[in-house]
Amino acid sequence: MKRGLTFMATLAAAAALSACGDKTQTLQSGVKVDSQAFQGTGMPYAVQGWKQGDKASWEQQVKNRAQQTQNEYTKVN
């Protein structure tokens, strides 16, 4: 009986400590997330009319998107 209780306690302690072995999770994509949004990602896929690094064209594209495609009141049923 005592032996079984010791075994169960050891098994519980091992299970509790197994969570301490987690590896650190890092971003593997290589994309810099600390730059301004209007700076772009350097990828060639962008909306027509938007120039990467131009804050004014970024703000205009965001404004157009909000008014034309994300505004439910302007959509025609």
PDB file of N, CA and C in Angstrom:
ATOM      1  N   MET A   1       0.818  -1.194   0.000  1.00  0.00           N
ATOM      2  CA  MET A   1       0.000   0.000   0.000  1.00  0.00           C
ATOM      3  C   MET A   1       0.862   1.258   0.000  1.00  0.00           C
ATOM      4  N   LYS A   2       1.873   1.243   0.886  1.00  0.00           N
ATOM      5  CA  LYS A   2       2.757   2.408   0.972  1.00  0.00           C
ATOM      6  C   LYS A   2       3.573   2.562  -0.310  1.00  0.00           C
ATOM      7  N   ARG A   3       3.933   1.442  -0.884  1.00  0.00           N
ATOM      8  CA  ARG A   3       4.713   1.469  -2.115  1.00  0.00           C
ATOM      9  C   ARG A   3       3.891   2.049  -3.276  1.00  0.00           C
ATOM     10  N   GLY A   4       2.636   1.679  -3.359  1.00  0.00           N
ATOM     11  CA  GLY A   4       1.750   2.189  -4.403  1.00  0.00           C
ATOM     12  C   GLY A   4       1.504   3.685  -4.237  1.00  0.00           C
ATOM     13  N   LEU A   5       1.380   4.134  -3.002  1.00  0.00           N
ATOM     14  CA  LEU A   5       1.169   5.560  -2.732  1.00  0.00           C
ATOM     15  C   LEU A   5       2.408   6.365  -3.117  1.00  0.00           C
ATOM     16  N   THR A   6       3.591   5.827  -2.836  1.00  0.00           N
ATOM     17  CA  THR A   6       4.838   6.493  -3.217  1.00  0.00           C
ATOM     18  C   THR A   6       4.969   6.562  -4.736  1.00  0.00           C
ATOM     19  N   PHE A   7       4.574   5.468  -5.403  1.00  0.00           N
ATOM     20  CA  PHE A   7       4.627   5.446  -6.856  1.00  0.00           C
ATOM     21  C   PHE A   7       3.674   6.481  -7.452  1.00  0.00           C
ATOM     22  N   MET A   8       2.485   6.579  -6.921  1.00  0.00           N
ATOM     23  CA  MET A   8       1.500   7.541  -7.423  1.00  0.00           C
ATOM     24  C   MET A   8       1.967   8.974  -7.172  1.00  0.00           C
ATOM     25  N   ALA A   9       2.575   9.231  -6.029  1.00  0.00           N
ATOM     26  CA  ALA A   9       3.083  10.565  -5.731  1.00  0.00           C
ATOM     27  C   ALA A   9       4.226  10.932  -6.675  1.00  0.00           C
ATOM     28  N   THR A  10       5.094   9.972  -6.953  1.00  0.00           N
ATOM     29  CA  THR A  10       6.197  10.210  -7.887  1.00  0.00           C
ATOM     30  C   THR A  10       5.667  10.462  -9.289  1.00  0.00           C
ATOM     31  N   LEU A  11       4.677   9.716  -9.702  1.00  0.00           N
ATOM     32  CA  LEU A  11       4.074   9.882 -11.016  1.00  0.00           C
ATOM     33  C   LEU A  11       3.388  11.251 -11.130  1.00  0.00           C
ATOM     34  N   ALA A  12       2.712  11.678 -10.077  1.00  0.00           N
ATOM     35  CA  ALA A  12       2.060  12.990 -10.075  1.00  0.00           C
ATOM     36  C   ALA A  12       3.095  14.118 -10.130  1.00  0.00           C
ATOM     37  N   ALA A  13       4.188  13.966  -9.422  1.00  0.00           N
ATOM     38  CA  ALA A  13       5.236  14.984  -9.434  1.00  0.00           C
ATOM     39  C   ALA A  13       5.892  15.064 -10.813  1.00  0.00           C
ATOM     40  N   ALA A  14       6.101  13.930 -11.450  1.00  0.00           N
ATOM     41  CA  ALA A  14       6.691  13.924 -12.787  1.00  0.00           C
ATOM     42  C   ALA A  14       5.742  14.576 -13.797  1.00  0.00           C
ATOM     43  N   ALA A  15       4.456  14.323 -13.668  1.00  0.00           N
ATOM     44  CA  ALA A  15       3.480  14.931 -14.570  1.00  0.00           C
ATOM     45  C   ALA A  15       3.408  16.442 -14.364  1.00  0.00           C
ATOM     46  N   ALA A  16       3.508  16.870 -13.106  1.00  0.00           N
ATOM     47  CA  ALA A  16       3.456  18.306 -12.813  1.00  0.00           C
ATOM     48  C   ALA A  16       4.698  19.022 -13.334  1.00  0.00           C
ATOM     49  N   LEU A  17       5.846  18.385 -13.272  1.00  0.00           N
ATOM     50  CA  LEU A  17       7.085  19.009 -13.729  1.00  0.00           C
ATOM     51  C   LEU A  17       7.278  18.924 -15.240  1.00  0.00           C
ATOM     52  N   SER A  18       6.506  18.107 -15.908  1.00  0.00           N
ATOM     53  CA  SER A  18       6.682  17.975 -17.350  1.00  0.00           C
ATOM     54  C   SER A  18       6.273  19.249 -18.093  1.00  0.00           C
ATOM     55  N   ALA A  19       5.434  20.066 -17.500  1.00  0.00           N
ATOM     56  CA  ALA A  19       5.024  21.321 -18.129  1.00  0.00           C
ATOM     57  C   ALA A  19       6.141  22.359 -18.087  1.00  0.00           C
ATOM     58  N   CYS A  20       7.145  22.154 -17.287  1.00  0.00           N
ATOM     59  CA  CYS A  20       8.244  23.113 -17.190  1.00  0.00           C
ATOM     60  C   CYS A  20       9.210  23.009 -18.362  1.00  0.00           C
ATOM     61  N   GLY A  21       9.044  22.021 -19.210  1.00  0.00           N
ATOM     62  CA  GLY A  21       9.960  21.816 -20.316  1.00  0.00           C
ATOM     63  C   GLY A  21       9.522  22.471 -21.609  1.00  0.00           C
ATOM     64  N   ASP A  22       8.619  23.455 -21.583  1.00  0.00           N
ATOM     65  CA  ASP A  22       8.170  24.115 -22.806  1.00  0.00           C
ATOM     66  C   ASP A  22       9.306  24.901 -23.433  1.00  0.00           C
ATOM     67  N   LYS A  23       9.366  24.844 -24.758  1.00  0.00           N
ATOM     68  CA  LYS A  23      10.361  25.613 -25.481  1.00  0.00           C
ATOM     69  C   LYS A  23       9.817  27.020 -25.722  1.00  0.00           C
ATOM     70  N   THR A  24      10.708  27.969 -25.838  1.00  0.00           N
ATOM     71  CA  THR A  24      10.280  29.333 -26.119  1.00  0.00           C
ATOM     72  C   THR A  24       9.777  29.407 -27.556  1.00  0.00           C
ATOM     73  N   GLN A  25       8.732  30.203 -27.767  1.00  0.00           N
ATOM     74  CA  GLN A  25       8.141  30.344 -29.087  1.00  0.00           C
ATOM     75  C   GLN A  25       8.556  31.681 -29.666  1.00  0.00           C
ATOM     76  N   THR A  26       9.141  31.638 -30.847  1.00  0.00           N
ATOM     77  CA  THR A  26       9.585  32.856 -31.503  1.00  0.00           C
ATOM     78  C   THR A  26       8.962  32.944 -32.880  1.00  0.00           C
ATOM     79  N   LEU A  27       8.918  34.145 -33.412  1.00  0.00           N
ATOM     80  CA  LEU A  27       8.379  34.377 -34.740  1.00  0.00           C
ATOM     81  C   LEU A  27       9.422  33.955 -35.772  1.00  0.00           C
ATOM     82  N   GLN A  28       9.083  32.990 -36.593  1.00  0.00           N
ATOM     83  CA  GLN A  28      10.029  32.448 -37.554  1.00  0.00           C
ATOM     84  C   GLN A  28       9.900  33.064 -38.939  1.00  0.00           C
ATOM     85  N   SER A  29       8.902  33.915 -39.165  1.00  0.00           N
ATOM     86  CA  SER A  29       8.666  34.430 -40.512  1.00  0.00           C
ATOM     87  C   SER A  29       9.695  35.466 -40.932  1.00  0.00           C
ATOM     88  N   GLY A  30      10.337  36.138 -40.005  1.00  0.00           N
ATOM     89  CA  GLY A  30      11.333  37.133 -40.343  1.00  0.00           C
ATOM     90  C   GLY A  30      10.752  38.494 -40.658  1.00  0.00           C
ATOM     91  N   VAL A  31       9.450  38.665 -40.520  1.00  0.00           N
ATOM     92  CA  VAL A  31       8.817  39.950 -40.798  1.00  0.00           C
ATOM     93  C   VAL A  31       9.005  40.855 -39.588  1.00  0.00           C
ATOM     94  N   LYS A  32       9.457  42.081 -39.838  1.00  0.00           N
ATOM     95  CA  LYS A  32       9.631  43.026 -38.742  1.00  0.00           C
ATOM     96  C   LYS A  32       8.261  43.566 -38.347  1.00  0.00           C
ATOM     97  N   VAL A  33       7.926  43.464 -37.089  1.00  0.00           N
ATOM     98  CA  VAL A  33       6.641  43.956 -36.626  1.00  0.00           C
ATOM     99  C   VAL A  33       6.777  45.268 -35.868  1.00  0.00           C
ATOM    100  N   ASP A  34       7.979  45.817 -35.786  1.00  0.00           N
ATOM    101  CA  ASP A  34       8.174  47.032 -35.025  1.00  0.00           C
ATOM    102  C   ASP A  34       8.213  48.275 -35.913  1.00  0.00           C
ATOM    103  N   SER A  35       7.894  48.134 -37.176  1.00  0.00           N
ATOM    104  CA  SER A  35       7.884  49.299 -38.061  1.00  0.00           C
ATOM    105  C   SER A  35       6.454  49.820 -38.213  1.00  0.00           C
ATOM    106  N   GLN A  36       6.329  51.011 -38.720  1.00  0.00           N
ATOM    107  CA  GLN A  36       5.016  51.605 -38.947  1.00  0.00           C
ATOM    108  C   GLN A  36       4.287  50.820 -40.032  1.00  0.00           C
ATOM    109  N   ALA A  37       2.964  50.789 -39.970  1.00  0.00           N
ATOM    110  CA  ALA A  37       2.177  50.015 -40.923  1.00  0.00           C
ATOM    111  C   ALA A  37       2.340  50.530 -42.345  1.00  0.00           C
ATOM    112  N   PHE A  38       2.475  51.833 -42.522  1.00  0.00           N
ATOM    113  CA  PHE A  38       2.568  52.392 -43.860  1.00  0.00           C
ATOM    114  C   PHE A  38       3.914  52.115 -44.526  1.00  0.00           C
ATOM    115  N   GLN A  39       4.894  51.598 -43.760  1.00  0.00           N
ATOM    116  CA  GLN A  39       6.191  51.281 -44.335  1.00  0.00           C
ATOM    117  C   GLN A  39       6.128  50.064 -45.256  1.00  0.00           C
ATOM    118  N   GLY A  40       5.130  49.214 -45.043  1.00  0.00           N
ATOM    119  CA  GLY A  40       4.980  48.035 -45.885  1.00  0.00           C
ATOM    120  C   GLY A  40       5.828  46.881 -45.415  1.00  0.00           C
ATOM    121  N   THR A  41       5.726  45.777 -46.149  1.00  0.00           N
ATOM    122  CA  THR A  41       6.458  44.571 -45.791  1.00  0.00           C
ATOM    123  C   THR A  41       7.582  44.265 -46.752  1.00  0.00           C
ATOM    124  N   GLY A  42       7.670  45.009 -47.832  1.00  0.00           N
ATOM    125  CA  GLY A  42       8.674  44.723 -48.840  1.00  0.00           C
ATOM    126  C   GLY A  42       8.196  43.711 -49.859  1.00  0.00           C
ATOM    127  N   MET A  43       6.996  43.189 -49.694  1.00  0.00           N
ATOM    128  CA  MET A  43       6.427  42.238 -50.643  1.00  0.00           C
ATOM    129  C   MET A  43       5.831  42.997 -51.824  1.00  0.00           C
ATOM    130  N   PRO A  44       5.846  42.399 -53.001  1.00  0.00           N
ATOM    131  CA  PRO A  44       5.320  43.096 -54.180  1.00  0.00           C
ATOM    132  C   PRO A  44       3.799  43.123 -54.256  1.00  0.00           C
ATOM    133  N   TYR A  45       3.118  42.432 -53.357  1.00  0.00           N
ATOM    134  CA  TYR A  45       1.664  42.353 -53.409  1.00  0.00           C
ATOM    135  C   TYR A  45       1.059  43.491 -52.603  1.00  0.00           C
ATOM    136  N   ALA A  46       0.537  44.475 -53.294  1.00  0.00           N
ATOM    137  CA  ALA A  46      -0.048  45.634 -52.630  1.00  0.00           C
ATOM    138  C   ALA A  46      -1.215  46.143 -53.471  1.00  0.00           C
ATOM    139  N   VAL A  47      -2.066  46.934 -52.865  1.00  0.00           N
ATOM    140  CA  VAL A  47      -3.215  47.520 -53.544  1.00  0.00           C
ATOM    141  C   VAL A  47      -2.725  48.564 -54.543  1.00  0.00           C
ATOM    142  N   GLN A  48      -3.395  48.623 -55.684  1.00  0.00           N
ATOM    143  CA  GLN A  48      -3.048  49.628 -56.684  1.00  0.00           C
ATOM    144  C   GLN A  48      -3.217  51.022 -56.086  1.00  0.00           C
ATOM    145  N   GLY A  49      -2.264  51.886 -56.308  1.00  0.00           N
ATOM    146  CA  GLY A  49      -2.339  53.255 -55.818  1.00  0.00           C
ATOM    147  C   GLY A  49      -1.637  53.488 -54.491  1.00  0.00           C
ATOM    148  N   TRP A  50      -1.229  52.419 -53.832  1.00  0.00           N
ATOM    149  CA  TRP A  50      -0.537  52.585 -52.554  1.00  0.00           C
ATOM    150  C   TRP A  50       0.953  52.409 -52.770  1.00  0.00           C
ATOM    151  N   LYS A  51       1.716  53.391 -52.316  1.00  0.00           N
ATOM    152  CA  LYS A  51       3.168  53.334 -52.413  1.00  0.00           C
ATOM    153  C   LYS A  51       3.726  53.020 -51.036  1.00  0.00           C
ATOM    154  N   GLN A  52       4.522  51.972 -50.935  1.00  0.00           N
ATOM    155  CA  GLN A  52       5.080  51.594 -49.641  1.00  0.00           C
ATOM    156  C   GLN A  52       5.986  52.690 -49.125  1.00  0.00           C
ATOM    157  N   GLY A  53       5.773  53.082 -47.888  1.00  0.00           N
ATOM    158  CA  GLY A  53       6.561  54.129 -47.262  1.00  0.00           C
ATOM    159  C   GLY A  53       5.921  55.497 -47.330  1.00  0.00           C
ATOM    160  N   ASP A  54       4.823  55.647 -48.078  1.00  0.00           N
ATOM    161  CA  ASP A  54       4.131  56.928 -48.206  1.00  0.00           C
ATOM    162  C   ASP A  54       2.943  56.942 -47.260  1.00  0.00           C
ATOM    163  N   LYS A  55       3.043  57.710 -46.194  1.00  0.00           N
ATOM    164  CA  LYS A  55       2.014  57.725 -45.163  1.00  0.00           C
ATOM    165  C   LYS A  55       0.698  58.292 -45.683  1.00  0.00           C
ATOM    166  N   ALA A  56       0.750  59.304 -46.533  1.00  0.00           N
ATOM    167  CA  ALA A  56      -0.477  59.911 -47.060  1.00  0.00           C
ATOM    168  C   ALA A  56      -1.247  58.921 -47.928  1.00  0.00           C
ATOM    169  N   SER A  57      -0.558  58.166 -48.787  1.00  0.00           N
ATOM    170  CA  SER A  57      -1.270  57.195 -49.615  1.00  0.00           C
ATOM    171  C   SER A  57      -1.803  56.044 -48.773  1.00  0.00           C
ATOM    172  N   TRP A  58      -1.107  55.685 -47.687  1.00  0.00           N
ATOM    173  CA  TRP A  58      -1.594  54.652 -46.770  1.00  0.00           C
ATOM    174  C   TRP A  58      -2.900  55.104 -46.117  1.00  0.00           C
ATOM    175  N   GLU A  59      -2.910  56.331 -45.613  1.00  0.00           N
ATOM    176  CA  GLU A  59      -4.117  56.842 -44.969  1.00  0.00           C
ATOM    177  C   GLU A  59      -5.279  56.929 -45.956  1.00  0.00           C
ATOM    178  N   GLN A  60      -4.995  57.290 -47.201  1.00  0.00           N
ATOM    179  CA  GLN A  60      -6.049  57.366 -48.219  1.00  0.00           C
ATOM    180  C   GLN A  60      -6.597  55.973 -48.530  1.00  0.00           C
ATOM    181  N   GLN A  61      -5.757  54.976 -48.615  1.00  0.00           N
ATOM    182  CA  GLN A  61      -6.215  53.615 -48.880  1.00  0.00           C
ATOM    183  C   GLN A  61      -7.051  53.076 -47.723  1.00  0.00           C
ATOM    184  N   VAL A  62      -6.661  53.369 -46.497  1.00  0.00           N
ATOM    185  CA  VAL A  62      -7.428  52.926 -45.334  1.00  0.00           C
ATOM    186  C   VAL A  62      -8.784  53.623 -45.315  1.00  0.00           C
ATOM    187  N   LYS A  63      -8.807  54.899 -45.632  1.00  0.00           N
ATOM    188  CA  LYS A  63     -10.059  55.651 -45.676  1.00  0.00           C
ATOM    189  C   LYS A  63     -10.975  55.103 -46.771  1.00  0.00           C
ATOM    190  N   ASN A  64     -10.433  54.827 -47.951  1.00  0.00           N
ATOM    191  CA  ASN A  64     -11.229  54.265 -49.040  1.00  0.00           C
ATOM    192  C   ASN A  64     -11.783  52.896 -48.673  1.00  0.00           C
ATOM    193  N   ARG A  65     -10.962  52.064 -48.045  1.00  0.00           N
ATOM    194  CA  ARG A  65     -11.417  50.736 -47.659  1.00  0.00           C
ATOM    195  C   ARG A  65     -12.548  50.818 -46.639  1.00  0.00           C
ATOM    196  N   ALA A  66     -12.419  51.716 -45.693  1.00  0.00           N
ATOM    197  CA  ALA A  66     -13.457  51.863 -44.674  1.00  0.00           C
ATOM    198  C   ALA A  66     -14.765  52.367 -45.272  1.00  0.00           C
ATOM    199  N   GLN A  67     -14.687  53.264 -46.243  1.00  0.00           N
ATOM    200  CA  GLN A  67     -15.893  53.833 -46.831  1.00  0.00           C
ATOM    201  C   GLN A  67     -16.530  52.933 -47.878  1.00  0.00           C
ATOM    202  N   GLN A  68     -15.741  52.244 -48.668  1.00  0.00           N
ATOM    203  CA  GLN A  68     -16.282  51.501 -49.800  1.00  0.00           C
ATOM    204  C   GLN A  68     -16.590  50.044 -49.503  1.00  0.00           C
ATOM    205  N   THR A  69     -15.748  49.369 -48.752  1.00  0.00           N
ATOM    206  CA  THR A  69     -15.933  47.924 -48.598  1.00  0.00           C
ATOM    207  C   THR A  69     -16.327  47.498 -47.196  1.00  0.00           C
ATOM    208  N   GLN A  70     -16.052  48.290 -46.190  1.00  0.00           N
ATOM    209  CA  GLN A  70     -16.351  47.873 -44.840  1.00  0.00           C
ATOM    210  C   GLN A  70     -17.505  48.630 -44.212  1.00  0.00           C
ATOM    211  N   ASN A  71     -18.109  49.542 -44.952  1.00  0.00           N
ATOM    212  CA  ASN A  71     -19.219  50.315 -44.424  1.00  0.00           C
ATOM    213  C   ASN A  71     -20.515  49.652 -44.879  1.00  0.00           C
ATOM    214  N   GLU A  72     -21.251  49.055 -43.958  1.00  0.00           N
ATOM    215  CA  GLU A  72     -22.472  48.330 -44.284  1.00  0.00           C
ATOM    216  C   GLU A  72     -23.589  49.275 -44.766  1.00  0.00           C
ATOM    217  N   TYR A  73     -23.541  50.530 -44.384  1.00  0.00           N
ATOM    218  CA  TYR A  73     -24.603  51.450 -44.776  1.00  0.00           C
ATOM    219  C   TYR A  73     -24.519  51.850 -46.242  1.00  0.00           C
ATOM    220  N   THR A  74     -23.348  51.771 -46.845  1.00  0.00           N
ATOM    221  CA  THR A  74     -23.213  52.169 -48.248  1.00  0.00           C
ATOM    222  C   THR A  74     -23.381  51.017 -49.207  1.00  0.00           C
ATOM    223  N   LYS A  75     -23.481  49.784 -48.716  1.00  0.00           N
ATOM    224  CA  LYS A  75     -23.662  48.636 -49.593  1.00  0.00           C
ATOM    225  C   LYS A  75     -25.099  48.577 -50.086  1.00  0.00           C
ATOM    226  N   VAL A  76     -25.277  48.191 -51.325  1.00  0.00           N
ATOM    227  CA  VAL A  76     -26.592  48.092 -51.927  1.00  0.00           C
ATOM    228  C   VAL A  76     -27.109  46.677 -51.723  1.00  0.00           C
ATOM    229  N   ASN A  77     -28.335  46.560 -51.301  1.00  0.00           N
ATOM    230  CA  ASN A  77     -28.923  45.218 -51.076  1.00  0.00           C
ATOM    231  C   ASN A  77     -29.461  44.653 -52.350  1.00  0.00           C
TER     232      ASN A  77
END
